[in-house]
Amino acid sequence: MTLPQDPMMLFSVINMKLRDQYPSLDALCDDLDIDRKTLEEKLQAAGFEYSETHNKFW
């Protein structure tokens, strides 16, 4: 799967997948073959942080 490059679109797509399909960020990254650290860095640069408690970026 090709992820959006725009940070807001990336934020939206990742949170939708976390909400609808995956119990954790690790599960999403493993299934989609995404490097978790790179994903988190991209979203952190846009001001978003992952919450394991809520299983979403905000």
N, C-alpha and C. Protein backbone atom coordinates (compact mmCIF):
# COMPACT_ATOMS: atom_id res chain seq x y z
N MET A 1 0.83 -1.18 0.00
CA MET A 1 0.00 0.00 0.00
C MET A 1 0.88 1.24 0.00
N THR A 2 0.54 2.20 -0.83
CA THR A 2 1.24 3.46 -0.86
C THR A 2 0.53 4.44 0.06
N LEU A 3 1.25 4.96 1.00
CA LEU A 3 0.67 5.91 1.95
C LEU A 3 0.77 7.33 1.40
N PRO A 4 -0.19 8.17 1.76
CA PRO A 4 -0.14 9.57 1.32
C PRO A 4 1.10 10.27 1.85
N GLN A 5 1.62 11.19 1.08
CA GLN A 5 2.79 11.97 1.51
C GLN A 5 2.37 13.20 2.32
N ASP A 6 1.17 13.71 2.07
CA ASP A 6 0.66 14.85 2.81
C ASP A 6 0.42 14.43 4.26
N PRO A 7 1.00 15.14 5.22
CA PRO A 7 0.88 14.73 6.63
C PRO A 7 -0.56 14.63 7.14
N MET A 8 -1.43 15.53 6.72
CA MET A 8 -2.82 15.48 7.19
C MET A 8 -3.55 14.27 6.61
N MET A 9 -3.29 13.96 5.35
CA MET A 9 -3.90 12.78 4.73
C MET A 9 -3.34 11.51 5.37
N LEU A 10 -2.05 11.49 5.63
CA LEU A 10 -1.41 10.35 6.28
C LEU A 10 -2.02 10.14 7.66
N PHE A 11 -2.16 11.20 8.42
CA PHE A 11 -2.79 11.16 9.74
C PHE A 11 -4.18 10.54 9.65
N SER A 12 -4.96 10.99 8.70
CA SER A 12 -6.33 10.51 8.54
C SER A 12 -6.37 9.02 8.16
N VAL A 13 -5.56 8.62 7.20
CA VAL A 13 -5.55 7.23 6.74
C VAL A 13 -5.08 6.29 7.85
N ILE A 14 -4.03 6.65 8.54
CA ILE A 14 -3.50 5.80 9.60
C ILE A 14 -4.51 5.66 10.74
N ASN A 15 -5.11 6.77 11.16
CA ASN A 15 -6.09 6.68 12.24
C ASN A 15 -7.33 5.88 11.83
N MET A 16 -7.75 6.00 10.59
CA MET A 16 -8.88 5.22 10.11
C MET A 16 -8.55 3.73 10.16
N LYS A 17 -7.37 3.37 9.71
CA LYS A 17 -6.96 1.97 9.73
C LYS A 17 -6.81 1.45 11.16
N LEU A 18 -6.26 2.27 12.04
CA LEU A 18 -6.13 1.87 13.44
C LEU A 18 -7.52 1.66 14.06
N ARG A 19 -8.44 2.53 13.74
CA ARG A 19 -9.80 2.43 14.29
C ARG A 19 -10.54 1.21 13.75
N ASP A 20 -10.42 0.97 12.44
CA ASP A 20 -11.26 -0.03 11.79
C ASP A 20 -10.63 -1.41 11.63
N GLN A 21 -9.28 -1.49 11.61
CA GLN A 21 -8.66 -2.75 11.22
C GLN A 21 -7.58 -3.29 12.15
N TYR A 22 -6.95 -2.44 12.94
CA TYR A 22 -5.77 -2.90 13.67
C TYR A 22 -5.86 -2.59 15.16
N PRO A 23 -5.48 -3.53 16.01
CA PRO A 23 -5.53 -3.31 17.46
C PRO A 23 -4.36 -2.49 18.00
N SER A 24 -3.34 -2.27 17.15
CA SER A 24 -2.16 -1.52 17.61
C SER A 24 -1.38 -0.99 16.41
N LEU A 25 -0.53 -0.03 16.67
CA LEU A 25 0.34 0.52 15.62
C LEU A 25 1.32 -0.54 15.14
N ASP A 26 1.81 -1.37 16.04
CA ASP A 26 2.72 -2.46 15.63
C ASP A 26 2.04 -3.41 14.66
N ALA A 27 0.79 -3.76 14.92
CA ALA A 27 0.05 -4.66 14.03
C ALA A 27 -0.13 -4.04 12.65
N LEU A 28 -0.46 -2.76 12.61
CA LEU A 28 -0.61 -2.06 11.34
C LEU A 28 0.71 -2.06 10.57
N CYS A 29 1.78 -1.67 11.25
CA CYS A 29 3.09 -1.59 10.59
C CYS A 29 3.56 -2.96 10.10
N ASP A 30 3.36 -3.99 10.89
CA ASP A 30 3.75 -5.34 10.48
C ASP A 30 2.97 -5.78 9.24
N ASP A 31 1.66 -5.57 9.27
CA ASP A 31 0.81 -6.02 8.18
C ASP A 31 1.07 -5.26 6.88
N LEU A 32 1.29 -3.95 6.98
CA LEU A 32 1.49 -3.12 5.80
C LEU A 32 2.96 -2.95 5.43
N ASP A 33 3.85 -3.61 6.18
CA ASP A 33 5.30 -3.52 5.94
C ASP A 33 5.77 -2.06 5.95
N ILE A 34 5.42 -1.37 7.04
CA ILE A 34 5.79 0.03 7.24
C ILE A 34 6.75 0.11 8.41
N ASP A 35 7.78 0.93 8.27
CA ASP A 35 8.71 1.14 9.38
C ASP A 35 8.04 2.07 10.39
N ARG A 36 7.79 1.56 11.59
CA ARG A 36 7.07 2.32 12.62
C ARG A 36 7.80 3.62 12.96
N LYS A 37 9.10 3.56 13.12
CA LYS A 37 9.86 4.75 13.52
C LYS A 37 9.72 5.85 12.46
N THR A 38 9.80 5.49 11.20
CA THR A 38 9.68 6.46 10.11
C THR A 38 8.28 7.07 10.10
N LEU A 39 7.27 6.23 10.26
CA LEU A 39 5.89 6.71 10.29
C LEU A 39 5.68 7.67 11.46
N GLU A 40 6.14 7.29 12.63
CA GLU A 40 5.99 8.16 13.80
C GLU A 40 6.74 9.48 13.62
N GLU A 41 7.91 9.45 13.02
CA GLU A 41 8.68 10.67 12.79
C GLU A 41 7.95 11.61 11.83
N LYS A 42 7.36 11.04 10.77
CA LYS A 42 6.61 11.87 9.81
C LYS A 42 5.42 12.54 10.49
N LEU A 43 4.71 11.78 11.31
CA LEU A 43 3.54 12.35 11.96
C LEU A 43 3.92 13.28 13.12
N GLN A 44 5.03 12.99 13.80
CA GLN A 44 5.49 13.89 14.86
C GLN A 44 5.92 15.24 14.28
N ALA A 45 6.50 15.23 13.09
CA ALA A 45 6.91 16.47 12.43
C ALA A 45 5.70 17.35 12.12
N ALA A 46 4.53 16.72 11.98
CA ALA A 46 3.30 17.47 11.73
C ALA A 46 2.54 17.78 13.02
N GLY A 47 3.12 17.38 14.16
CA GLY A 47 2.52 17.71 15.44
C GLY A 47 1.67 16.62 16.06
N PHE A 48 1.73 15.41 15.53
CA PHE A 48 0.91 14.32 16.05
C PHE A 48 1.75 13.31 16.82
N GLU A 49 1.16 12.76 17.86
CA GLU A 49 1.82 11.76 18.69
C GLU A 49 0.90 10.56 18.85
N TYR A 50 1.47 9.36 18.84
CA TYR A 50 0.69 8.13 18.98
C TYR A 50 0.38 7.86 20.45
N SER A 51 -0.87 7.51 20.73
CA SER A 51 -1.28 7.10 22.06
C SER A 51 -1.64 5.62 22.02
N GLU A 52 -0.85 4.80 22.72
CA GLU A 52 -1.17 3.37 22.78
C GLU A 52 -2.48 3.13 23.52
N THR A 53 -2.76 3.94 24.53
CA THR A 53 -3.99 3.81 25.29
C THR A 53 -5.22 3.97 24.40
N HIS A 54 -5.17 4.94 23.49
CA HIS A 54 -6.30 5.23 22.62
C HIS A 54 -6.15 4.61 21.23
N ASN A 55 -4.99 4.04 20.93
CA ASN A 55 -4.68 3.46 19.62
C ASN A 55 -4.97 4.43 18.48
N LYS A 56 -4.43 5.62 18.63
CA LYS A 56 -4.57 6.62 17.56
C LYS A 56 -3.52 7.70 17.72
N PHE A 57 -3.32 8.42 16.63
CA PHE A 57 -2.47 9.61 16.67
C PHE A 57 -3.36 10.80 16.97
N TRP A 58 -2.81 11.74 17.76
CA TRP A 58 -3.50 13.00 18.02
C TRP A 58 -2.54 14.08 18.36
